[in-house]
PDB file of N, CA and C in Angstrom:
ATOM      1  N   MET A   1     -87.614  21.404 103.499  1.00  0.00           N
ATOM      2  CA  MET A   1     -87.315  22.516 102.624  1.00  0.00           C
ATOM      3  C   MET A   1     -86.259  22.140 101.581  1.00  0.00           C
ATOM      4  N   SER A   2     -85.332  21.249 101.936  1.00  0.00           N
ATOM      5  CA  SER A   2     -84.291  20.889 100.979  1.00  0.00           C
ATOM      6  C   SER A   2     -84.856  20.055  99.835  1.00  0.00           C
ATOM      7  N   ILE A   3     -85.956  19.345 100.059  1.00  0.00           N
ATOM      8  CA  ILE A   3     -86.577  18.580  98.973  1.00  0.00           C
ATOM      9  C   ILE A   3     -87.149  19.542  97.938  1.00  0.00           C
ATOM     10  N   LEU A   4     -87.743  20.605  98.390  1.00  0.00           N
ATOM     11  CA  LEU A   4     -88.290  21.614  97.485  1.00  0.00           C
ATOM     12  C   LEU A   4     -87.180  22.268  96.660  1.00  0.00           C
ATOM     13  N   ILE A   5     -86.056  22.535  97.271  1.00  0.00           N
ATOM     14  CA  ILE A   5     -84.915  23.126  96.563  1.00  0.00           C
ATOM     15  C   ILE A   5     -84.393  22.162  95.506  1.00  0.00           C
ATOM     16  N   GLU A   6     -84.313  20.873  95.857  1.00  0.00           N
ATOM     17  CA  GLU A   6     -83.838  19.887  94.890  1.00  0.00           C
ATOM     18  C   GLU A   6     -84.805  19.739  93.725  1.00  0.00           C
ATOM     19  N   ILE A   7     -86.100  19.835  93.984  1.00  0.00           N
ATOM     20  CA  ILE A   7     -87.084  19.769  92.910  1.00  0.00           C
ATOM     21  C   ILE A   7     -86.947  20.969  91.985  1.00  0.00           C
ATOM     22  N   VAL A   8     -86.773  22.155  92.556  1.00  0.00           N
ATOM     23  CA  VAL A   8     -86.609  23.363  91.746  1.00  0.00           C
ATOM     24  C   VAL A   8     -85.322  23.282  90.933  1.00  0.00           C
ATOM     25  N   GLN A   9     -84.251  22.780  91.532  1.00  0.00           N
ATOM     26  CA  GLN A   9     -82.994  22.640  90.792  1.00  0.00           C
ATOM     27  C   GLN A   9     -83.120  21.606  89.678  1.00  0.00           C
ATOM     28  N   GLY A  10     -83.866  20.549  89.906  1.00  0.00           N
ATOM     29  CA  GLY A  10     -84.088  19.548  88.859  1.00  0.00           C
ATOM     30  C   GLY A  10     -84.886  20.114  87.696  1.00  0.00           C
ATOM     31  N   ILE A  11     -85.927  20.876  88.014  1.00  0.00           N
ATOM     32  CA  ILE A  11     -86.718  21.516  86.958  1.00  0.00           C
ATOM     33  C   ILE A  11     -85.866  22.541  86.210  1.00  0.00           C
ATOM     34  N   GLY A  12     -85.021  23.255  86.935  1.00  0.00           N
ATOM     35  CA  GLY A  12     -84.120  24.212  86.299  1.00  0.00           C
ATOM     36  C   GLY A  12     -83.123  23.523  85.378  1.00  0.00           C
ATOM     37  N   ALA A  13     -82.628  22.357  85.786  1.00  0.00           N
ATOM     38  CA  ALA A  13     -81.702  21.612  84.940  1.00  0.00           C
ATOM     39  C   ALA A  13     -82.393  21.128  83.669  1.00  0.00           C
ATOM     40  N   ILE A  14     -83.644  20.712  83.800  1.00  0.00           N
ATOM     41  CA  ILE A  14     -84.406  20.299  82.614  1.00  0.00           C
ATOM     42  C   ILE A  14     -84.631  21.487  81.688  1.00  0.00           C
ATOM     43  N   ALA A  15     -84.950  22.649  82.259  1.00  0.00           N
ATOM     44  CA  ALA A  15     -85.137  23.857  81.453  1.00  0.00           C
ATOM     45  C   ALA A  15     -83.837  24.243  80.736  1.00  0.00           C
ATOM     46  N   LEU A  16     -82.717  24.131  81.423  1.00  0.00           N
ATOM     47  CA  LEU A  16     -81.422  24.424  80.795  1.00  0.00           C
ATOM     48  C   LEU A  16     -81.143  23.476  79.637  1.00  0.00           C
ATOM     49  N   THR A  17     -81.504  22.223  79.799  1.00  0.00           N
ATOM     50  CA  THR A  17     -81.310  21.249  78.724  1.00  0.00           C
ATOM     51  C   THR A  17     -82.144  21.617  77.506  1.00  0.00           C
ATOM     52  N   PHE A  18     -83.407  21.987  77.723  1.00  0.00           N
ATOM     53  CA  PHE A  18     -84.265  22.375  76.608  1.00  0.00           C
ATOM     54  C   PHE A  18     -83.769  23.643  75.929  1.00  0.00           C
ATOM     55  N   ILE A  19     -83.251  24.586  76.694  1.00  0.00           N
ATOM     56  CA  ILE A  19     -82.713  25.812  76.110  1.00  0.00           C
ATOM     57  C   ILE A  19     -81.482  25.501  75.265  1.00  0.00           C
ATOM     58  N   ASN A  20     -80.621  24.610  75.744  1.00  0.00           N
ATOM     59  CA  ASN A  20     -79.436  24.218  74.968  1.00  0.00           C
ATOM     60  C   ASN A  20     -79.835  23.504  73.681  1.00  0.00           C
ATOM     61  N   ILE A  21     -80.826  22.635  73.756  1.00  0.00           N
ATOM     62  CA  ILE A  21     -81.290  21.932  72.552  1.00  0.00           C
ATOM     63  C   ILE A  21     -81.855  22.936  71.553  1.00  0.00           C
ATOM     64  N   TYR A  22     -82.655  23.889  72.037  1.00  0.00           N
ATOM     65  CA  TYR A  22     -83.229  24.891  71.146  1.00  0.00           C
ATOM     66  C   TYR A  22     -82.143  25.759  70.523  1.00  0.00           C
ATOM     67  N   MET A  23     -81.087  26.042  71.282  1.00  0.00           N
ATOM     68  CA  MET A  23     -79.982  26.820  70.743  1.00  0.00           C
ATOM     69  C   MET A  23     -79.316  26.071  69.581  1.00  0.00           C
ATOM     70  N   TRP A  24     -79.136  24.767  69.723  1.00  0.00           N
ATOM     71  CA  TRP A  24     -78.554  23.980  68.644  1.00  0.00           C
ATOM     72  C   TRP A  24     -79.487  23.896  67.444  1.00  0.00           C
ATOM     73  N   VAL A  25     -80.787  23.862  67.689  1.00  0.00           N
ATOM     74  CA  VAL A  25     -81.748  23.865  66.582  1.00  0.00           C
ATOM     75  C   VAL A  25     -81.648  25.184  65.808  1.00  0.00           C
ATOM     76  N   VAL A  26     -81.496  26.289  66.512  1.00  0.00           N
ATOM     77  CA  VAL A  26     -81.330  27.589  65.850  1.00  0.00           C
ATOM     78  C   VAL A  26     -80.041  27.604  65.033  1.00  0.00           C
ATOM     79  N   ILE A  27     -78.970  27.054  65.566  1.00  0.00           N
ATOM     80  CA  ILE A  27     -77.696  27.000  64.831  1.00  0.00           C
ATOM     81  C   ILE A  27     -77.837  26.150  63.574  1.00  0.00           C
ATOM     82  N   ILE A  28     -78.489  25.009  63.688  1.00  0.00           N
ATOM     83  CA  ILE A  28     -78.677  24.133  62.529  1.00  0.00           C
ATOM     84  C   ILE A  28     -79.538  24.820  61.476  1.00  0.00           C
ATOM     85  N   THR A  29     -80.583  25.515  61.919  1.00  0.00           N
ATOM     86  CA  THR A  29     -81.450  26.229  60.974  1.00  0.00           C
ATOM     87  C   THR A  29     -80.692  27.350  60.280  1.00  0.00           C
ATOM     88  N   ALA A  30     -79.830  28.040  61.008  1.00  0.00           N
ATOM     89  CA  ALA A  30     -79.025  29.100  60.392  1.00  0.00           C
ATOM     90  C   ALA A  30     -78.067  28.521  59.360  1.00  0.00           C
ATOM     91  N   LEU A  31     -77.492  27.378  59.662  1.00  0.00           N
ATOM     92  CA  LEU A  31     -76.590  26.732  58.695  1.00  0.00           C
ATOM     93  C   LEU A  31     -77.346  26.222  57.479  1.00  0.00           C
ATOM     94  N   LEU A  32     -78.590  25.806  57.671  1.00  0.00           N
ATOM     95  CA  LEU A  32     -79.396  25.361  56.533  1.00  0.00           C
ATOM     96  C   LEU A  32     -79.690  26.508  55.573  1.00  0.00           C
ATOM     97  N   GLY A  33     -79.700  27.721  56.070  1.00  0.00           N
ATOM     98  CA  GLY A  33     -79.927  28.875  55.210  1.00  0.00           C
ATOM     99  C   GLY A  33     -78.816  29.074  54.189  1.00  0.00           C
ATOM    100  N   PHE A  34     -77.626  28.593  54.475  1.00  0.00           N
ATOM    101  CA  PHE A  34     -76.510  28.702  53.538  1.00  0.00           C
ATOM    102  C   PHE A  34     -76.553  27.615  52.467  1.00  0.00           C
ATOM    103  N   VAL A  35     -77.184  26.476  52.774  1.00  0.00           N
ATOM    104  CA  VAL A  35     -77.151  25.321  51.883  1.00  0.00           C
ATOM    105  C   VAL A  35     -78.341  25.305  50.923  1.00  0.00           C
ATOM    106  N   ASN A  36     -79.459  25.951  51.290  1.00  0.00           N
ATOM    107  CA  ASN A  36     -80.687  25.961  50.514  1.00  0.00           C
ATOM    108  C   ASN A  36     -81.227  24.535  50.329  1.00  0.00           C
ATOM    109  N   PRO A  37     -81.715  23.913  51.410  1.00  0.00           N
ATOM    110  CA  PRO A  37     -82.188  22.529  51.331  1.00  0.00           C
ATOM    111  C   PRO A  37     -83.564  22.433  50.679  1.00  0.00           C
ATOM    112  N   ASP A  38     -84.008  21.206  50.468  1.00  0.00           N
ATOM    113  CA  ASP A  38     -85.329  20.941  49.905  1.00  0.00           C
ATOM    114  C   ASP A  38     -86.389  21.388  50.903  1.00  0.00           C
ATOM    115  N   PRO A  39     -87.257  22.335  50.545  1.00  0.00           N
ATOM    116  CA  PRO A  39     -88.250  22.828  51.513  1.00  0.00           C
ATOM    117  C   PRO A  39     -89.343  21.814  51.841  1.00  0.00           C
ATOM    118  N   PHE A  40     -89.450  20.746  51.065  1.00  0.00           N
ATOM    119  CA  PHE A  40     -90.469  19.730  51.322  1.00  0.00           C
ATOM    120  C   PHE A  40     -89.964  18.597  52.200  1.00  0.00           C
ATOM    121  N   ASN A  41     -88.702  18.649  52.591  1.00  0.00           N
ATOM    122  CA  ASN A  41     -88.149  17.646  53.492  1.00  0.00           C
ATOM    123  C   ASN A  41     -88.802  17.818  54.861  1.00  0.00           C
ATOM    124  N   PRO A  42     -89.310  16.732  55.476  1.00  0.00           N
ATOM    125  CA  PRO A  42     -90.004  16.865  56.760  1.00  0.00           C
ATOM    126  C   PRO A  42     -89.113  17.387  57.881  1.00  0.00           C
ATOM    127  N   ILE A  43     -87.841  17.041  57.865  1.00  0.00           N
ATOM    128  CA  ILE A  43     -86.935  17.521  58.908  1.00  0.00           C
ATOM    129  C   ILE A  43     -86.726  19.025  58.775  1.00  0.00           C
ATOM    130  N   VAL A  44     -86.554  19.489  57.553  1.00  0.00           N
ATOM    131  CA  VAL A  44     -86.370  20.918  57.314  1.00  0.00           C
ATOM    132  C   VAL A  44     -87.639  21.678  57.697  1.00  0.00           C
ATOM    133  N   GLN A  45     -88.799  21.147  57.348  1.00  0.00           N
ATOM    134  CA  GLN A  45     -90.054  21.787  57.721  1.00  0.00           C
ATOM    135  C   GLN A  45     -90.209  21.856  59.235  1.00  0.00           C
ATOM    136  N   PHE A  46     -89.834  20.774  59.928  1.00  0.00           N
ATOM    137  CA  PHE A  46     -89.903  20.761  61.394  1.00  0.00           C
ATOM    138  C   PHE A  46     -88.993  21.824  61.989  1.00  0.00           C
ATOM    139  N   LEU A  47     -87.756  21.921  61.500  1.00  0.00           N
ATOM    140  CA  LEU A  47     -86.811  22.909  62.026  1.00  0.00           C
ATOM    141  C   LEU A  47     -87.314  24.327  61.785  1.00  0.00           C
ATOM    142  N   TYR A  48     -87.846  24.590  60.605  1.00  0.00           N
ATOM    143  CA  TYR A  48     -88.368  25.927  60.323  1.00  0.00           C
ATOM    144  C   TYR A  48     -89.598  26.235  61.172  1.00  0.00           C
ATOM    145  N   ARG A  49     -90.456  25.228  61.369  1.00  0.00           N
ATOM    146  CA  ARG A  49     -91.655  25.442  62.176  1.00  0.00           C
ATOM    147  C   ARG A  49     -91.304  25.736  63.629  1.00  0.00           C
ATOM    148  N   ILE A  50     -90.245  25.119  64.126  1.00  0.00           N
ATOM    149  CA  ILE A  50     -89.832  25.321  65.517  1.00  0.00           C
ATOM    150  C   ILE A  50     -89.179  26.694  65.708  1.00  0.00           C
ATOM    151  N   THR A  51     -88.398  27.146  64.731  1.00  0.00           N
ATOM    152  CA  THR A  51     -87.627  28.379  64.917  1.00  0.00           C
ATOM    153  C   THR A  51     -88.303  29.633  64.378  1.00  0.00           C
ATOM    154  N   ASN A  52     -89.289  29.505  63.498  1.00  0.00           N
ATOM    155  CA  ASN A  52     -89.914  30.698  62.922  1.00  0.00           C
ATOM    156  C   ASN A  52     -90.556  31.623  63.950  1.00  0.00           C
ATOM    157  N   PRO A  53     -91.206  31.127  65.025  1.00  0.00           N
ATOM    158  CA  PRO A  53     -91.746  32.084  66.004  1.00  0.00           C
ATOM    159  C   PRO A  53     -90.673  32.958  66.658  1.00  0.00           C
ATOM    160  N   ALA A  54     -89.516  32.373  66.960  1.00  0.00           N
ATOM    161  CA  ALA A  54     -88.435  33.166  67.567  1.00  0.00           C
ATOM    162  C   ALA A  54     -87.881  34.173  66.563  1.00  0.00           C
ATOM    163  N   TYR A  55     -87.710  33.731  65.309  1.00  0.00           N
ATOM    164  CA  TYR A  55     -87.232  34.653  64.279  1.00  0.00           C
ATOM    165  C   TYR A  55     -88.214  35.802  64.070  1.00  0.00           C
ATOM    166  N   ALA A  56     -89.512  35.487  64.042  1.00  0.00           N
ATOM    167  CA  ALA A  56     -90.526  36.528  63.841  1.00  0.00           C
ATOM    168  C   ALA A  56     -90.530  37.522  64.996  1.00  0.00           C
ATOM    169  N   LEU A  57     -90.364  37.028  66.220  1.00  0.00           N
ATOM    170  CA  LEU A  57     -90.334  37.908  67.386  1.00  0.00           C
ATOM    171  C   LEU A  57     -89.142  38.862  67.328  1.00  0.00           C
ATOM    172  N   VAL A  58     -87.977  38.335  66.987  1.00  0.00           N
ATOM    173  CA  VAL A  58     -86.778  39.176  66.911  1.00  0.00           C
ATOM    174  C   VAL A  58     -86.895  40.172  65.768  1.00  0.00           C
ATOM    175  N   LYS A  59     -87.372  39.714  64.620  1.00  0.00           N
ATOM    176  CA  LYS A  59     -87.456  40.601  63.452  1.00  0.00           C
ATOM    177  C   LYS A  59     -88.524  41.674  63.614  1.00  0.00           C
ATOM    178  N   ARG A  60     -89.497  41.440  64.493  1.00  0.00           N
ATOM    179  CA  ARG A  60     -90.543  42.436  64.715  1.00  0.00           C
ATOM    180  C   ARG A  60     -89.987  43.654  65.454  1.00  0.00           C
ATOM    181  N   TYR A  61     -89.030  43.430  66.371  1.00  0.00           N
ATOM    182  CA  TYR A  61     -88.537  44.523  67.209  1.00  0.00           C
ATOM    183  C   TYR A  61     -87.157  45.047  66.816  1.00  0.00           C
ATOM    184  N   ILE A  62     -86.373  44.239  66.125  1.00  0.00           N
ATOM    185  CA  ILE A  62     -84.996  44.630  65.799  1.00  0.00           C
ATOM    186  C   ILE A  62     -84.772  44.455  64.302  1.00  0.00           C
ATOM    187  N   ARG A  63     -84.110  45.417  63.701  1.00  0.00           N
ATOM    188  CA  ARG A  63     -83.732  45.278  62.294  1.00  0.00           C
ATOM    189  C   ARG A  63     -82.537  44.325  62.237  1.00  0.00           C
ATOM    190  N   THR A  64     -82.694  43.190  61.575  1.00  0.00           N
ATOM    191  CA  THR A  64     -81.657  42.160  61.607  1.00  0.00           C
ATOM    192  C   THR A  64     -80.923  41.992  60.286  1.00  0.00           C
ATOM    193  N   ASN A  65     -81.356  42.649  59.237  1.00  0.00           N
ATOM    194  CA  ASN A  65     -80.725  42.473  57.939  1.00  0.00           C
ATOM    195  C   ASN A  65     -79.698  43.586  57.722  1.00  0.00           C
ATOM    196  N   PHE A  66     -78.416  43.217  57.749  1.00  0.00           N
ATOM    197  CA  PHE A  66     -77.332  44.165  57.543  1.00  0.00           C
ATOM    198  C   PHE A  66     -76.526  43.738  56.331  1.00  0.00           C
ATOM    199  N   ASN A  67     -76.612  44.523  55.265  1.00  0.00           N
ATOM    200  CA  ASN A  67     -75.883  44.264  54.020  1.00  0.00           C
ATOM    201  C   ASN A  67     -76.145  42.861  53.482  1.00  0.00           C
ATOM    202  N   GLY A  68     -77.381  42.420  53.549  1.00  0.00           N
ATOM    203  CA  GLY A  68     -77.747  41.115  53.020  1.00  0.00           C
ATOM    204  C   GLY A  68     -77.484  39.955  53.955  1.00  0.00           C
ATOM    205  N   LEU A  69     -76.987  40.220  55.133  1.00  0.00           N
ATOM    206  CA  LEU A  69     -76.699  39.175  56.116  1.00  0.00           C
ATOM    207  C   LEU A  69     -77.716  39.264  57.242  1.00  0.00           C
ATOM    208  N   ASP A  70     -78.463  38.185  57.452  1.00  0.00           N
ATOM    209  CA  ASP A  70     -79.495  38.167  58.483  1.00  0.00           C
ATOM    210  C   ASP A  70     -78.874  37.737  59.810  1.00  0.00           C
ATOM    211  N   LEU A  71     -78.918  38.609  60.792  1.00  0.00           N
ATOM    212  CA  LEU A  71     -78.302  38.349  62.091  1.00  0.00           C
ATOM    213  C   LEU A  71     -79.312  37.939  63.156  1.00  0.00           C
ATOM    214  N   ALA A  72     -80.517  37.540  62.751  1.00  0.00           N
ATOM    215  CA  ALA A  72     -81.553  37.168  63.721  1.00  0.00           C
ATOM    216  C   ALA A  72     -81.133  35.947  64.527  1.00  0.00           C
ATOM    217  N   SER A  73     -80.515  34.969  63.895  1.00  0.00           N
ATOM    218  CA  SER A  73     -80.105  33.771  64.633  1.00  0.00           C
ATOM    219  C   SER A  73     -79.021  34.105  65.653  1.00  0.00           C
ATOM    220  N   LEU A  74     -78.133  35.019  65.332  1.00  0.00           N
ATOM    221  CA  LEU A  74     -77.109  35.434  66.283  1.00  0.00           C
ATOM    222  C   LEU A  74     -77.733  36.132  67.486  1.00  0.00           C
ATOM    223  N   ILE A  75     -78.729  36.968  67.247  1.00  0.00           N
ATOM    224  CA  ILE A  75     -79.416  37.660  68.341  1.00  0.00           C
ATOM    225  C   ILE A  75     -80.153  36.662  69.224  1.00  0.00           C
ATOM    226  N   ILE A  76     -80.777  35.657  68.606  1.00  0.00           N
ATOM    227  CA  ILE A  76     -81.492  34.638  69.379  1.00  0.00           C
ATOM    228  C   ILE A  76     -80.515  33.842  70.235  1.00  0.00           C
ATOM    229  N   ILE A  77     -79.373  33.473  69.671  1.00  0.00           N
ATOM    230  CA  ILE A  77     -78.384  32.690  70.418  1.00  0.00           C
ATOM    231  C   ILE A  77     -77.822  33.499  71.586  1.00  0.00           C
ATOM    232  N   VAL A  78     -77.547  34.772  71.371  1.00  0.00           N
ATOM    233  CA  VAL A  78     -77.050  35.622  72.464  1.00  0.00           C
ATOM    234  C   VAL A  78     -78.111  35.741  73.559  1.00  0.00           C
ATOM    235  N   GLY A  79     -79.364  35.913  73.161  1.00  0.00           N
ATOM    236  CA  GLY A  79     -80.450  35.975  74.137  1.00  0.00           C
ATOM    237  C   GLY A  79     -80.583  34.682  74.935  1.00  0.00           C
ATOM    238  N   LEU A  80     -80.463  33.547  74.252  1.00  0.00           N
ATOM    239  CA  LEU A  80     -80.536  32.265  74.956  1.00  0.00           C
ATOM    240  C   LEU A  80     -79.357  32.081  75.905  1.00  0.00           C
ATOM    241  N   GLN A  81     -78.177  32.548  75.509  1.00  0.00           N
ATOM    242  CA  GLN A  81     -77.016  32.464  76.389  1.00  0.00           C
ATOM    243  C   GLN A  81     -77.206  33.329  77.633  1.00  0.00           C
ATOM    244  N   ILE A  82     -77.812  34.491  77.464  1.00  0.00           N
ATOM    245  CA  ILE A  82     -78.094  35.349  78.622  1.00  0.00           C
ATOM    246  C   ILE A  82     -79.069  34.657  79.567  1.00  0.00           C
ATOM    247  N   ILE A  83     -80.083  34.012  79.011  1.00  0.00           N
ATOM    248  CA  ILE A  83     -81.039  33.273  79.837  1.00  0.00           C
ATOM    249  C   ILE A  83     -80.352  32.130  80.571  1.00  0.00           C
ATOM    250  N   ILE A  84     -79.439  31.430  79.895  1.00  0.00           N
ATOM    251  CA  ILE A  84     -78.717  30.324  80.523  1.00  0.00           C
ATOM    252  C   ILE A  84     -77.876  30.816  81.691  1.00  0.00           C
ATOM    253  N   VAL A  85     -77.144  31.910  81.488  1.00  0.00           N
ATOM    254  CA  VAL A  85     -76.296  32.446  82.559  1.00  0.00           C
ATOM    255  C   VAL A  85     -77.148  32.884  83.748  1.00  0.00           C
ATOM    256  N   PHE A  86     -78.260  33.562  83.460  1.00  0.00           N
ATOM    257  CA  PHE A  86     -79.142  34.019  84.530  1.00  0.00           C
ATOM    258  C   PHE A  86     -79.750  32.843  85.285  1.00  0.00           C
ATOM    259  N   LEU A  87     -80.191  31.819  84.566  1.00  0.00           N
ATOM    260  CA  LEU A  87     -80.802  30.662  85.193  1.00  0.00           C
ATOM    261  C   LEU A  87     -79.788  29.866  86.009  1.00  0.00           C
ATOM    262  N   CYS A  88     -78.568  29.729  85.500  1.00  0.00           N
ATOM    263  CA  CYS A  88     -77.522  29.033  86.267  1.00  0.00           C
ATOM    264  C   CYS A  88     -77.194  29.781  87.550  1.00  0.00           C
ATOM    265  N   ALA A  89     -77.080  31.096  87.481  1.00  0.00           N
ATOM    266  CA  ALA A  89     -76.798  31.881  88.686  1.00  0.00           C
ATOM    267  C   ALA A  89     -77.940  31.774  89.688  1.00  0.00           C
ATOM    268  N   LEU A  90     -79.146  31.758  89.178  1.00  0.00           N
ATOM    269  CA  LEU A  90     -80.311  31.636  90.053  1.00  0.00           C
ATOM    270  C   LEU A  90     -80.352  30.264  90.733  1.00  0.00           C
ATOM    271  N   LEU A  91     -80.029  29.223  89.992  1.00  0.00           N
ATOM    272  CA  LEU A  91     -80.041  27.878  90.569  1.00  0.00           C
ATOM    273  C   LEU A  91     -78.904  27.667  91.564  1.00  0.00           C
ATOM    274  N   ARG A  92     -77.751  28.289  91.310  1.00  0.00           N
ATOM    275  CA  ARG A  92     -76.636  28.167  92.253  1.00  0.00           C
ATOM    276  C   ARG A  92     -76.913  28.898  93.559  1.00  0.00           C
ATOM    277  N   ALA A  93     -77.733  29.935  93.477  1.00  0.00           N
ATOM    278  CA  ALA A  93     -78.028  30.730  94.672  1.00  0.00           C
ATOM    279  C   ALA A  93     -78.963  29.995  95.631  1.00  0.00           C
ATOM    280  N   LEU A  94     -79.615  28.951  95.153  1.00  0.00           N
ATOM    281  CA  LEU A  94     -80.547  28.214  96.037  1.00  0.00           C
ATOM    282  C   LEU A  94     -79.805  27.389  97.057  1.00  0.00           C
TER     283      LEU A  94
END
């Protein structure tokens, strides 16, 4: 039974790593919005392609534009932090 627990904890650690990486991608994409980069740059296109589904999901259910400031990335980061805390507590309980 302890092997199964270790496997689940390992998969959980990998999931936490991917969530942290995605959180940093969202932060980088939000910072790119202030700089107005070249839209034909492959790195910029990749970042937008990765984050647009999350932005679309948040913007569909929550009004994120307040006085010209888009808070969708902040909502996504808070949501990811909640998932991280929940997943860490769940993994510690095993």
